[in-house]
Amino acid sequence: MTIKLYCFGESGNAYKAALPLELSGLAWEPVKVDFFQGETRSDAYRNDVNEMGEAPVLVDGETHLSQSGVIQMYITEKSGKYGGATPQEAREVMRWCFWDNHKLSSQAGMTRFLMNFLPEEKRPAEVIAFAQGRLRAAYQVLDAHLADRDWMVGAAPTNADFSCCGYLFYPEPFGFVRSDWRNIDRWLSGIEALEGWKHPYDLMPGSPADRV
């Protein structure tokens, strides 16, 4: 049975689920969520897809999951990949996924939305500046961690990599300049070199160009 992933290209959180699905070799297909037309706020979506009104959502037969970290865990259960090679590594993978969700992706997703997807006159400059300060602190932690390693945990890519990179391939400005962070840049190049890697706008339906 083909796994369905409710997602849209602009979502870094959806990319965290779509990328390991694509690389794992599991059969899957994207189902476009029209976020910018309010689909996730509709009664139909909340009743039939996700009561939280969020994407991504994975559907595999009777299995129905939301939250990118939980979806990553399921991909690991199905494929045997990306969860860490030992129990110690598995805990470390989860540690970095939790860190990313709290310190990196939450700030990056909000800042990118405020700077690019709101009308210019509604963009709160002070909020953006504060969030970018938080992001710089997160980039420093990430860059330092990657100084002497190719992957976030262990000797191979894991869900920690796919979580922490979720927003860092997007071209829209939000306070991340890849060339400013040597170790992050090298790490992202390693992810791009993985067989089957795709940019979020190539992997999932939906991009800002569709709304021009």
N, C-alpha and C. Protein backbone atom coordinates (compact mmCIF):
# COMPACT_ATOMS: atom_id res chain seq x y z
N MET A 1 0.84 -1.19 0.00
CA MET A 1 0.00 0.00 0.00
C MET A 1 0.88 1.25 0.00
N THR A 2 0.51 2.23 -0.80
CA THR A 2 1.27 3.46 -0.91
C THR A 2 0.93 4.41 0.24
N ILE A 3 1.95 4.88 0.91
CA ILE A 3 1.78 5.86 1.98
C ILE A 3 1.38 7.19 1.36
N LYS A 4 0.45 7.88 1.99
CA LYS A 4 0.09 9.23 1.57
C LYS A 4 0.61 10.23 2.60
N LEU A 5 1.19 11.30 2.09
CA LEU A 5 1.65 12.36 2.97
C LEU A 5 0.96 13.65 2.56
N TYR A 6 0.12 14.15 3.46
CA TYR A 6 -0.51 15.45 3.25
C TYR A 6 0.55 16.52 3.54
N CYS A 7 0.84 17.34 2.55
CA CYS A 7 1.98 18.24 2.66
C CYS A 7 1.85 19.38 1.66
N PHE A 8 2.75 20.34 1.76
CA PHE A 8 2.87 21.38 0.74
C PHE A 8 4.30 21.88 0.72
N GLY A 9 4.74 22.30 -0.45
CA GLY A 9 6.15 22.57 -0.68
C GLY A 9 6.75 23.65 0.19
N GLU A 10 5.93 24.61 0.59
CA GLU A 10 6.45 25.72 1.38
C GLU A 10 6.73 25.36 2.83
N SER A 11 6.30 24.19 3.26
CA SER A 11 6.39 23.81 4.67
C SER A 11 7.67 23.05 4.99
N GLY A 12 8.51 23.67 5.81
CA GLY A 12 9.71 22.98 6.26
C GLY A 12 9.39 21.79 7.14
N ASN A 13 8.32 21.88 7.91
CA ASN A 13 7.93 20.74 8.74
C ASN A 13 7.48 19.56 7.88
N ALA A 14 6.77 19.85 6.80
CA ALA A 14 6.40 18.78 5.87
C ALA A 14 7.63 18.18 5.20
N TYR A 15 8.61 19.03 4.91
CA TYR A 15 9.84 18.54 4.28
C TYR A 15 10.58 17.56 5.19
N LYS A 16 10.51 17.79 6.52
CA LYS A 16 11.14 16.88 7.46
C LYS A 16 10.58 15.46 7.34
N ALA A 17 9.33 15.35 6.93
CA ALA A 17 8.72 14.03 6.74
C ALA A 17 8.92 13.52 5.33
N ALA A 18 8.77 14.41 4.35
CA ALA A 18 8.85 13.99 2.94
C ALA A 18 10.25 13.52 2.56
N LEU A 19 11.28 14.20 3.07
CA LEU A 19 12.65 13.83 2.66
C LEU A 19 13.04 12.43 3.12
N PRO A 20 12.86 12.06 4.40
CA PRO A 20 13.20 10.68 4.76
C PRO A 20 12.29 9.65 4.09
N LEU A 21 11.03 10.01 3.81
CA LEU A 21 10.18 9.10 3.05
C LEU A 21 10.80 8.83 1.68
N GLU A 22 11.20 9.89 1.01
CA GLU A 22 11.77 9.75 -0.33
C GLU A 22 13.07 8.94 -0.30
N LEU A 23 13.93 9.21 0.67
CA LEU A 23 15.23 8.55 0.72
C LEU A 23 15.14 7.11 1.22
N SER A 24 14.08 6.80 1.96
CA SER A 24 13.96 5.47 2.57
C SER A 24 13.65 4.37 1.57
N GLY A 25 13.08 4.74 0.42
CA GLY A 25 12.66 3.74 -0.54
C GLY A 25 11.24 3.25 -0.35
N LEU A 26 10.56 3.74 0.68
CA LEU A 26 9.16 3.37 0.88
C LEU A 26 8.30 3.99 -0.22
N ALA A 27 7.25 3.29 -0.61
CA ALA A 27 6.33 3.82 -1.62
C ALA A 27 5.44 4.88 -0.98
N TRP A 28 5.44 6.08 -1.55
CA TRP A 28 4.63 7.15 -0.98
C TRP A 28 4.22 8.11 -2.08
N GLU A 29 3.21 8.91 -1.79
CA GLU A 29 2.79 9.95 -2.71
C GLU A 29 2.33 11.16 -1.91
N PRO A 30 2.62 12.36 -2.42
CA PRO A 30 2.18 13.56 -1.72
C PRO A 30 0.73 13.89 -2.05
N VAL A 31 0.03 14.41 -1.06
CA VAL A 31 -1.31 14.95 -1.24
C VAL A 31 -1.22 16.43 -0.90
N LYS A 32 -1.45 17.28 -1.88
CA LYS A 32 -1.26 18.71 -1.65
C LYS A 32 -2.27 19.27 -0.67
N VAL A 33 -1.77 20.01 0.30
CA VAL A 33 -2.60 20.75 1.24
C VAL A 33 -2.55 22.22 0.82
N ASP A 34 -3.70 22.80 0.55
CA ASP A 34 -3.76 24.20 0.09
C ASP A 34 -3.78 25.12 1.31
N PHE A 35 -2.66 25.19 1.97
CA PHE A 35 -2.54 25.95 3.21
C PHE A 35 -2.91 27.41 3.03
N PHE A 36 -2.45 28.01 1.95
CA PHE A 36 -2.62 29.45 1.77
C PHE A 36 -4.05 29.83 1.39
N GLN A 37 -4.86 28.87 1.06
CA GLN A 37 -6.29 29.12 0.86
C GLN A 37 -7.11 28.64 2.06
N GLY A 38 -6.43 28.33 3.14
CA GLY A 38 -7.12 28.03 4.38
C GLY A 38 -7.59 26.60 4.56
N GLU A 39 -7.06 25.66 3.78
CA GLU A 39 -7.57 24.29 3.87
C GLU A 39 -7.41 23.70 5.27
N THR A 40 -6.28 23.97 5.92
CA THR A 40 -6.06 23.36 7.23
C THR A 40 -6.98 23.92 8.31
N ARG A 41 -7.60 25.06 8.03
CA ARG A 41 -8.53 25.66 9.00
C ARG A 41 -9.97 25.23 8.75
N SER A 42 -10.19 24.45 7.71
CA SER A 42 -11.55 24.06 7.37
C SER A 42 -12.05 22.94 8.27
N ASP A 43 -13.36 22.87 8.44
CA ASP A 43 -13.96 21.79 9.23
C ASP A 43 -13.66 20.43 8.61
N ALA A 44 -13.67 20.37 7.27
CA ALA A 44 -13.43 19.10 6.60
C ALA A 44 -12.03 18.58 6.91
N TYR A 45 -11.04 19.46 6.87
CA TYR A 45 -9.67 19.03 7.15
C TYR A 45 -9.52 18.59 8.60
N ARG A 46 -10.06 19.38 9.51
CA ARG A 46 -9.93 19.05 10.93
C ARG A 46 -10.70 17.78 11.30
N ASN A 47 -11.78 17.54 10.63
CA ASN A 47 -12.57 16.35 10.92
C ASN A 47 -12.01 15.10 10.26
N ASP A 48 -11.48 15.24 9.05
CA ASP A 48 -11.11 14.07 8.25
C ASP A 48 -9.61 13.82 8.18
N VAL A 49 -8.80 14.86 8.38
CA VAL A 49 -7.36 14.72 8.19
C VAL A 49 -6.58 14.90 9.49
N ASN A 50 -6.75 16.04 10.14
CA ASN A 50 -5.97 16.32 11.35
C ASN A 50 -6.72 17.30 12.23
N GLU A 51 -7.10 16.84 13.40
CA GLU A 51 -7.84 17.69 14.32
C GLU A 51 -7.05 18.91 14.76
N MET A 52 -5.72 18.84 14.66
CA MET A 52 -4.88 19.97 15.06
C MET A 52 -4.83 21.05 13.99
N GLY A 53 -5.33 20.75 12.79
CA GLY A 53 -5.30 21.72 11.71
C GLY A 53 -3.91 22.00 11.20
N GLU A 54 -3.07 20.97 11.10
CA GLU A 54 -1.69 21.14 10.70
C GLU A 54 -1.32 20.16 9.59
N ALA A 55 -0.20 20.44 8.95
CA ALA A 55 0.46 19.51 8.03
C ALA A 55 1.93 19.46 8.46
N PRO A 56 2.59 18.30 8.29
CA PRO A 56 2.19 17.14 7.50
C PRO A 56 1.32 16.15 8.28
N VAL A 57 0.67 15.29 7.50
CA VAL A 57 -0.08 14.17 8.04
C VAL A 57 0.24 12.95 7.18
N LEU A 58 0.57 11.84 7.81
CA LEU A 58 0.85 10.60 7.10
C LEU A 58 -0.32 9.65 7.28
N VAL A 59 -0.73 9.04 6.17
CA VAL A 59 -1.78 8.03 6.20
C VAL A 59 -1.25 6.78 5.53
N ASP A 60 -1.24 5.68 6.27
CA ASP A 60 -0.78 4.39 5.75
C ASP A 60 -1.78 3.33 6.21
N GLY A 61 -2.78 3.07 5.38
CA GLY A 61 -3.84 2.16 5.79
C GLY A 61 -4.59 2.74 6.97
N GLU A 62 -4.61 1.99 8.08
CA GLU A 62 -5.30 2.45 9.29
C GLU A 62 -4.43 3.37 10.14
N THR A 63 -3.17 3.51 9.78
CA THR A 63 -2.27 4.38 10.55
C THR A 63 -2.41 5.81 10.07
N HIS A 64 -2.64 6.70 11.01
CA HIS A 64 -2.91 8.10 10.70
C HIS A 64 -2.09 8.93 11.69
N LEU A 65 -1.05 9.62 11.21
CA LEU A 65 -0.11 10.29 12.10
C LEU A 65 0.09 11.75 11.70
N SER A 66 0.23 12.60 12.70
CA SER A 66 0.65 13.97 12.47
C SER A 66 1.87 14.26 13.33
N GLN A 67 2.46 15.43 13.11
CA GLN A 67 3.71 15.87 13.73
C GLN A 67 4.90 15.19 13.04
N SER A 68 5.79 16.02 12.52
CA SER A 68 6.88 15.51 11.69
C SER A 68 7.77 14.52 12.44
N GLY A 69 8.03 14.78 13.73
CA GLY A 69 8.89 13.87 14.48
C GLY A 69 8.29 12.50 14.65
N VAL A 70 6.99 12.43 14.86
CA VAL A 70 6.30 11.15 14.98
C VAL A 70 6.31 10.43 13.63
N ILE A 71 6.10 11.18 12.56
CA ILE A 71 6.13 10.59 11.22
C ILE A 71 7.52 10.03 10.94
N GLN A 72 8.56 10.76 11.33
CA GLN A 72 9.92 10.24 11.15
C GLN A 72 10.12 8.93 11.90
N MET A 73 9.60 8.85 13.11
CA MET A 73 9.71 7.61 13.88
C MET A 73 9.03 6.46 13.14
N TYR A 74 7.89 6.72 12.54
CA TYR A 74 7.17 5.68 11.81
C TYR A 74 7.96 5.24 10.58
N ILE A 75 8.56 6.19 9.89
CA ILE A 75 9.39 5.85 8.73
C ILE A 75 10.54 4.93 9.17
N THR A 76 11.14 5.24 10.31
CA THR A 76 12.20 4.39 10.84
C THR A 76 11.68 2.99 11.16
N GLU A 77 10.50 2.91 11.77
CA GLU A 77 9.92 1.60 12.08
C GLU A 77 9.67 0.78 10.81
N LYS A 78 9.21 1.44 9.76
CA LYS A 78 8.89 0.74 8.51
C LYS A 78 10.13 0.37 7.71
N SER A 79 11.13 1.24 7.72
CA SER A 79 12.28 1.07 6.83
C SER A 79 13.53 0.56 7.54
N GLY A 80 13.58 0.71 8.86
CA GLY A 80 14.79 0.37 9.59
C GLY A 80 15.90 1.39 9.45
N LYS A 81 15.59 2.56 8.91
CA LYS A 81 16.61 3.57 8.63
C LYS A 81 16.39 4.83 9.46
N TYR A 82 17.50 5.54 9.71
CA TYR A 82 17.50 6.93 10.17
C TYR A 82 17.19 7.11 11.66
N GLY A 83 17.10 6.03 12.40
CA GLY A 83 16.78 6.16 13.82
C GLY A 83 17.97 6.11 14.74
N GLY A 84 19.17 5.91 14.18
CA GLY A 84 20.37 5.73 14.99
C GLY A 84 20.75 4.27 15.06
N ALA A 85 22.06 4.00 15.12
CA ALA A 85 22.55 2.62 15.04
C ALA A 85 22.52 1.89 16.38
N THR A 86 22.41 2.62 17.48
CA THR A 86 22.40 2.03 18.81
C THR A 86 21.33 2.74 19.66
N PRO A 87 20.97 2.15 20.80
CA PRO A 87 20.03 2.87 21.68
C PRO A 87 20.56 4.24 22.09
N GLN A 88 21.86 4.34 22.30
CA GLN A 88 22.45 5.62 22.67
C GLN A 88 22.28 6.64 21.54
N GLU A 89 22.52 6.19 20.31
CA GLU A 89 22.34 7.09 19.17
C GLU A 89 20.87 7.45 18.99
N ALA A 90 19.98 6.51 19.22
CA ALA A 90 18.55 6.80 19.09
C ALA A 90 18.13 7.90 20.05
N ARG A 91 18.65 7.86 21.27
CA ARG A 91 18.34 8.93 22.22
C ARG A 91 18.92 10.26 21.76
N GLU A 92 20.12 10.21 21.20
CA GLU A 92 20.75 11.44 20.72
C GLU A 92 19.99 12.02 19.53
N VAL A 93 19.49 11.15 18.67
CA VAL A 93 18.65 11.61 17.55
C VAL A 93 17.44 12.36 18.09
N MET A 94 16.77 11.79 19.06
CA MET A 94 15.60 12.44 19.63
C MET A 94 15.96 13.76 20.30
N ARG A 95 17.10 13.79 20.96
CA ARG A 95 17.54 15.02 21.63
C ARG A 95 17.66 16.17 20.63
N TRP A 96 18.26 15.88 19.48
CA TRP A 96 18.44 16.93 18.48
C TRP A 96 17.13 17.26 17.77
N CYS A 97 16.25 16.29 17.61
CA CYS A 97 14.94 16.59 17.03
C CYS A 97 14.14 17.52 17.95
N PHE A 98 14.18 17.25 19.25
CA PHE A 98 13.49 18.13 20.19
C PHE A 98 14.12 19.52 20.19
N TRP A 99 15.44 19.56 20.17
CA TRP A 99 16.13 20.86 20.12
C TRP A 99 15.70 21.64 18.88
N ASP A 100 15.72 20.96 17.74
CA ASP A 100 15.34 21.64 16.50
C ASP A 100 13.93 22.20 16.59
N ASN A 101 12.99 21.40 17.04
CA ASN A 101 11.61 21.85 17.09
C ASN A 101 11.43 23.07 17.99
N HIS A 102 12.22 23.14 19.05
CA HIS A 102 12.08 24.24 19.99
C HIS A 102 12.93 25.45 19.63
N LYS A 103 14.16 25.21 19.20
CA LYS A 103 15.13 26.30 19.03
C LYS A 103 15.33 26.77 17.60
N LEU A 104 15.16 25.86 16.63
CA LEU A 104 15.51 26.21 15.25
C LEU A 104 14.28 26.31 14.35
N SER A 105 13.62 25.21 14.11
CA SER A 105 12.53 25.22 13.14
C SER A 105 11.37 26.13 13.56
N SER A 106 11.05 26.16 14.85
CA SER A 106 9.95 27.01 15.28
C SER A 106 10.24 28.47 14.97
N GLN A 107 11.47 28.90 15.20
CA GLN A 107 11.85 30.28 14.91
C GLN A 107 11.97 30.53 13.41
N ALA A 108 12.58 29.57 12.70
CA ALA A 108 12.78 29.74 11.25
C ALA A 108 11.46 29.77 10.51
N GLY A 109 10.55 28.86 10.86
CA GLY A 109 9.27 28.82 10.17
C GLY A 109 8.48 30.08 10.37
N MET A 110 8.41 30.57 11.61
CA MET A 110 7.68 31.79 11.89
C MET A 110 8.30 32.99 11.19
N THR A 111 9.63 33.12 11.28
CA THR A 111 10.31 34.27 10.70
C THR A 111 10.17 34.28 9.18
N ARG A 112 10.33 33.12 8.58
CA ARG A 112 10.17 33.03 7.12
C ARG A 112 8.76 33.41 6.70
N PHE A 113 7.77 32.96 7.45
CA PHE A 113 6.38 33.32 7.13
C PHE A 113 6.17 34.82 7.26
N LEU A 114 6.62 35.41 8.35
CA LEU A 114 6.42 36.84 8.56
C LEU A 114 7.11 37.68 7.49
N MET A 115 8.28 37.25 7.06
CA MET A 115 9.08 38.05 6.11
C MET A 115 8.67 37.87 4.67
N ASN A 116 7.98 36.78 4.34
CA ASN A 116 7.76 36.47 2.94
C ASN A 116 6.31 36.25 2.55
N PHE A 117 5.49 35.80 3.48
CA PHE A 117 4.13 35.39 3.12
C PHE A 117 3.04 36.29 3.70
N LEU A 118 3.43 37.29 4.48
CA LEU A 118 2.51 38.33 4.89
C LEU A 118 2.66 39.54 3.98
N PRO A 119 1.61 40.34 3.77
CA PRO A 119 1.77 41.60 3.05
C PRO A 119 2.82 42.47 3.76
N GLU A 120 3.60 43.17 2.99
CA GLU A 120 4.74 43.91 3.55
C GLU A 120 4.33 44.84 4.69
N GLU A 121 3.18 45.48 4.56
CA GLU A 121 2.76 46.44 5.58
C GLU A 121 2.36 45.78 6.90
N LYS A 122 2.21 44.46 6.89
CA LYS A 122 1.81 43.74 8.10
C LYS A 122 2.97 42.99 8.76
N ARG A 123 4.17 43.19 8.26
CA ARG A 123 5.32 42.46 8.79
C ARG A 123 5.86 43.17 10.03
N PRO A 124 5.83 42.52 11.18
CA PRO A 124 6.24 43.17 12.44
C PRO A 124 7.76 43.20 12.60
N ALA A 125 8.36 44.34 12.36
CA ALA A 125 9.81 44.45 12.31
C ALA A 125 10.46 44.04 13.63
N GLU A 126 9.89 44.43 14.76
CA GLU A 126 10.51 44.12 16.04
C GLU A 126 10.45 42.62 16.34
N VAL A 127 9.34 41.99 15.98
CA VAL A 127 9.22 40.55 16.18
C VAL A 127 10.23 39.81 15.30
N ILE A 128 10.34 40.24 14.05
CA ILE A 128 11.29 39.61 13.13
C ILE A 128 12.72 39.74 13.65
N ALA A 129 13.08 40.92 14.12
CA ALA A 129 14.44 41.14 14.63
C ALA A 129 14.71 40.26 15.85
N PHE A 130 13.73 40.15 16.74
CA PHE A 130 13.91 39.31 17.92
C PHE A 130 14.09 37.85 17.52
N ALA A 131 13.26 37.38 16.60
CA ALA A 131 13.34 35.98 16.16
C ALA A 131 14.66 35.70 15.46
N GLN A 132 15.15 36.66 14.68
CA GLN A 132 16.42 36.45 13.99
C GLN A 132 17.58 36.36 14.98
N GLY A 133 17.47 37.08 16.10
CA GLY A 133 18.48 36.94 17.15
C GLY A 133 18.47 35.54 17.74
N ARG A 134 17.27 35.01 17.97
CA ARG A 134 17.16 33.64 18.47
C ARG A 134 17.73 32.65 17.46
N LEU A 135 17.47 32.92 16.18
CA LEU A 135 17.98 32.03 15.13
C LEU A 135 19.50 32.05 15.07
N ARG A 136 20.11 33.20 15.21
CA ARG A 136 21.57 33.26 15.18
C ARG A 136 22.17 32.42 16.30
N ALA A 137 21.54 32.43 17.45
CA ALA A 137 22.02 31.60 18.55
C ALA A 137 21.91 30.12 18.20
N ALA A 138 20.81 29.75 17.54
CA ALA A 138 20.64 28.35 17.12
C ALA A 138 21.65 27.96 16.06
N TYR A 139 21.91 28.85 15.11
CA TYR A 139 22.91 28.54 14.07
C TYR A 139 24.28 28.32 14.71
N GLN A 140 24.61 29.10 15.72
CA GLN A 140 25.90 28.94 16.39
C GLN A 140 26.02 27.56 17.03
N VAL A 141 24.94 27.12 17.69
CA VAL A 141 24.95 25.79 18.30
C VAL A 141 25.12 24.71 17.23
N LEU A 142 24.35 24.83 16.16
CA LEU A 142 24.39 23.82 15.10
C LEU A 142 25.75 23.80 14.42
N ASP A 143 26.29 24.97 14.10
CA ASP A 143 27.58 25.04 13.41
C ASP A 143 28.68 24.47 14.27
N ALA A 144 28.66 24.76 15.57
CA ALA A 144 29.68 24.22 16.47
C ALA A 144 29.57 22.70 16.58
N HIS A 145 28.35 22.20 16.64
CA HIS A 145 28.17 20.75 16.75
C HIS A 145 28.72 20.03 15.52
N LEU A 146 28.62 20.66 14.37
CA LEU A 146 29.03 20.03 13.11
C LEU A 146 30.50 20.27 12.78
N ALA A 147 31.23 20.90 13.67
CA ALA A 147 32.61 21.26 13.36
C ALA A 147 33.48 20.06 13.08
N ASP A 148 33.25 18.95 13.77
CA ASP A 148 34.12 17.78 13.62
C ASP A 148 33.34 16.53 13.24
N ARG A 149 32.21 16.71 12.54
CA ARG A 149 31.40 15.55 12.17
C ARG A 149 30.68 15.82 10.86
N ASP A 150 30.36 14.76 10.14
CA ASP A 150 29.62 14.87 8.89
C ASP A 150 28.12 14.88 9.11
N TRP A 151 27.67 14.18 10.17
CA TRP A 151 26.24 14.03 10.42
C TRP A 151 25.95 14.41 11.86
N MET A 152 24.70 14.73 12.14
CA MET A 152 24.32 15.18 13.47
C MET A 152 24.61 14.13 14.54
N VAL A 153 24.37 12.86 14.21
CA VAL A 153 24.54 11.76 15.16
C VAL A 153 25.16 10.58 14.43
N GLY A 154 26.25 10.06 14.94
CA GLY A 154 26.81 8.84 14.37
C GLY A 154 27.46 9.05 13.01
N ALA A 155 27.57 7.94 12.27
CA ALA A 155 28.33 7.93 11.03
C ALA A 155 27.46 7.96 9.78
N ALA A 156 26.17 8.19 9.93
CA ALA A 156 25.26 8.16 8.79
C ALA A 156 24.11 9.13 9.06
N PRO A 157 23.40 9.52 8.01
CA PRO A 157 22.27 10.44 8.22
C PRO A 157 21.17 9.81 9.06
N THR A 158 20.55 10.63 9.88
CA THR A 158 19.45 10.19 10.74
C THR A 158 18.34 11.24 10.69
N ASN A 159 17.28 10.94 11.42
CA ASN A 159 16.19 11.90 11.52
C ASN A 159 16.62 13.22 12.14
N ALA A 160 17.70 13.21 12.90
CA ALA A 160 18.23 14.46 13.44
C ALA A 160 18.66 15.38 12.31
N ASP A 161 19.30 14.84 11.30
CA ASP A 161 19.70 15.64 10.13
C ASP A 161 18.47 16.15 9.39
N PHE A 162 17.51 15.27 9.17
CA PHE A 162 16.33 15.66 8.38
C PHE A 162 15.46 16.65 9.13
N SER A 163 15.51 16.61 10.45
CA SER A 163 14.78 17.59 11.23
C SER A 163 15.48 18.94 11.20
N CYS A 164 16.76 18.95 11.50
CA CYS A 164 17.48 20.22 11.60
C CYS A 164 17.64 20.94 10.27
N CYS A 165 17.61 20.21 9.16
CA CYS A 165 17.76 20.86 7.86
C CYS A 165 16.44 21.33 7.29
N GLY A 166 15.34 21.10 8.00
CA GLY A 166 14.01 21.28 7.43
C GLY A 166 13.77 22.60 6.74
N TYR A 167 14.27 23.68 7.30
CA TYR A 167 14.03 25.00 6.72
C TYR A 167 15.25 25.59 6.01
N LEU A 168 16.38 24.91 6.07
CA LEU A 168 17.62 25.56 5.65
C LEU A 168 17.91 25.48 4.16
N PHE A 169 17.09 24.77 3.40
CA PHE A 169 17.27 24.75 1.94
C PHE A 169 16.38 25.77 1.23
N TYR A 170 15.51 26.45 1.95
CA TYR A 170 14.57 27.37 1.29
C TYR A 170 15.28 28.65 0.85
N PRO A 171 14.90 29.18 -0.32
CA PRO A 171 15.57 30.37 -0.84
C PRO A 171 15.07 31.68 -0.26
N GLU A 172 13.88 31.71 0.33
CA GLU A 172 13.34 32.97 0.81
C GLU A 172 14.15 33.47 2.02
N PRO A 173 14.34 34.77 2.14
CA PRO A 173 15.13 35.29 3.27
C PRO A 173 14.40 35.16 4.59
N PHE A 174 15.13 34.70 5.61
CA PHE A 174 14.57 34.70 6.96
C PHE A 174 15.66 34.84 8.01
N GLY A 175 16.87 35.18 7.57
CA GLY A 175 17.96 35.37 8.51
C GLY A 175 19.01 34.28 8.47
N PHE A 176 18.97 33.43 7.46
CA PHE A 176 19.98 32.39 7.31
C PHE A 176 20.70 32.59 5.98
N VAL A 177 21.99 32.84 6.06
CA VAL A 177 22.84 32.93 4.87
C VAL A 177 23.81 31.77 4.95
N ARG A 178 23.61 30.81 4.10
CA ARG A 178 24.33 29.54 4.21
C ARG A 178 25.84 29.73 4.20
N SER A 179 26.34 30.64 3.38
CA SER A 179 27.78 30.81 3.25
C SER A 179 28.41 31.39 4.51
N ASP A 180 27.60 31.93 5.41
CA ASP A 180 28.13 32.49 6.66
C ASP A 180 28.49 31.41 7.68
N TRP A 181 28.03 30.19 7.44
CA TRP A 181 28.19 29.12 8.43
C TRP A 181 28.88 27.93 7.75
N ARG A 182 30.20 27.89 7.88
CA ARG A 182 31.02 26.94 7.12
C ARG A 182 30.62 25.49 7.38
N ASN A 183 30.44 25.13 8.64
CA ASN A 183 30.15 23.73 8.96
C ASN A 183 28.73 23.35 8.56
N ILE A 184 27.78 24.26 8.75
CA ILE A 184 26.42 23.99 8.30
C ILE A 184 26.38 23.84 6.79
N ASP A 185 27.11 24.70 6.10
CA ASP A 185 27.14 24.63 4.64
C ASP A 185 27.68 23.28 4.16
N ARG A 186 28.76 22.82 4.77
CA ARG A 186 29.33 21.52 4.40
C ARG A 186 28.33 20.39 4.67
N TRP A 187 27.69 20.45 5.81
CA TRP A 187 26.69 19.44 6.19
C TRP A 187 25.51 19.43 5.22
N LEU A 188 25.02 20.60 4.86
CA LEU A 188 23.92 20.67 3.89
C LEU A 188 24.35 20.11 2.53
N SER A 189 25.59 20.36 2.16
CA SER A 189 26.09 19.78 0.90
C SER A 189 26.09 18.27 0.97
N GLY A 190 26.41 17.71 2.13
CA GLY A 190 26.37 16.26 2.30
C GLY A 190 24.97 15.71 2.16
N ILE A 191 23.98 16.42 2.69
CA ILE A 191 22.60 15.99 2.53
C ILE A 191 22.19 16.06 1.07
N GLU A 192 22.56 17.14 0.40
CA GLU A 192 22.24 17.28 -1.03
C GLU A 192 22.85 16.17 -1.86
N ALA A 193 23.97 15.62 -1.40
CA ALA A 193 24.66 14.57 -2.16
C ALA A 193 24.05 13.19 -1.95
N LEU A 194 23.11 13.05 -1.01
CA LEU A 194 22.48 11.76 -0.80
C LEU A 194 21.68 11.34 -2.02
N GLU A 195 21.78 10.08 -2.41
CA GLU A 195 21.06 9.59 -3.57
C GLU A 195 19.56 9.75 -3.37
N GLY A 196 18.93 10.44 -4.28
CA GLY A 196 17.50 10.67 -4.20
C GLY A 196 17.10 11.98 -3.57
N TRP A 197 18.07 12.76 -3.08
CA TRP A 197 17.74 14.04 -2.45
C TRP A 197 17.01 14.95 -3.44
N LYS A 198 16.03 15.66 -2.93
CA LYS A 198 15.32 16.67 -3.73
C LYS A 198 15.07 17.90 -2.88
N HIS A 199 15.10 19.03 -3.53
CA HIS A 199 14.74 20.30 -2.90
C HIS A 199 13.26 20.25 -2.52
N PRO A 200 12.87 20.93 -1.45
CA PRO A 200 11.45 20.86 -1.05
C PRO A 200 10.47 21.24 -2.14
N TYR A 201 10.81 22.21 -2.99
CA TYR A 201 9.87 22.61 -4.04
C TYR A 201 9.82 21.59 -5.18
N ASP A 202 10.79 20.70 -5.23
CA ASP A 202 10.76 19.61 -6.23
C ASP A 202 10.15 18.34 -5.65
N LEU A 203 10.18 18.21 -4.33
CA LEU A 203 9.72 16.98 -3.69
C LEU A 203 8.23 17.00 -3.38
N MET A 204 7.70 18.21 -3.08
CA MET A 204 6.31 18.34 -2.67
C MET A 204 5.59 19.35 -3.55
N PRO A 205 4.29 19.19 -3.75
CA PRO A 205 3.54 20.16 -4.55
C PRO A 205 3.36 21.47 -3.81
N GLY A 206 3.43 22.56 -4.58
CA GLY A 206 3.24 23.88 -4.00
C GLY A 206 4.53 24.65 -3.84
N SER A 207 4.52 25.90 -4.31
CA SER A 207 5.64 26.81 -4.14
C SER A 207 5.12 28.24 -4.29
N PRO A 208 5.86 29.24 -3.83
CA PRO A 208 5.39 30.61 -4.01
C PRO A 208 5.15 30.97 -5.48
N ALA A 209 5.89 30.35 -6.39
CA ALA A 209 5.71 30.66 -7.80
C ALA A 209 4.30 30.31 -8.29
N ASP A 210 3.66 29.34 -7.63
CA ASP A 210 2.32 28.96 -8.02
C ASP A 210 1.29 30.03 -7.74
N ARG A 211 1.64 30.96 -6.83
CA ARG A 211 0.67 31.99 -6.42
C ARG A 211 0.95 33.35 -7.04
N VAL A 212 1.98 33.43 -7.88
CA VAL A 212 2.32 34.70 -8.54
C VAL A 212 1.27 35.03 -9.60
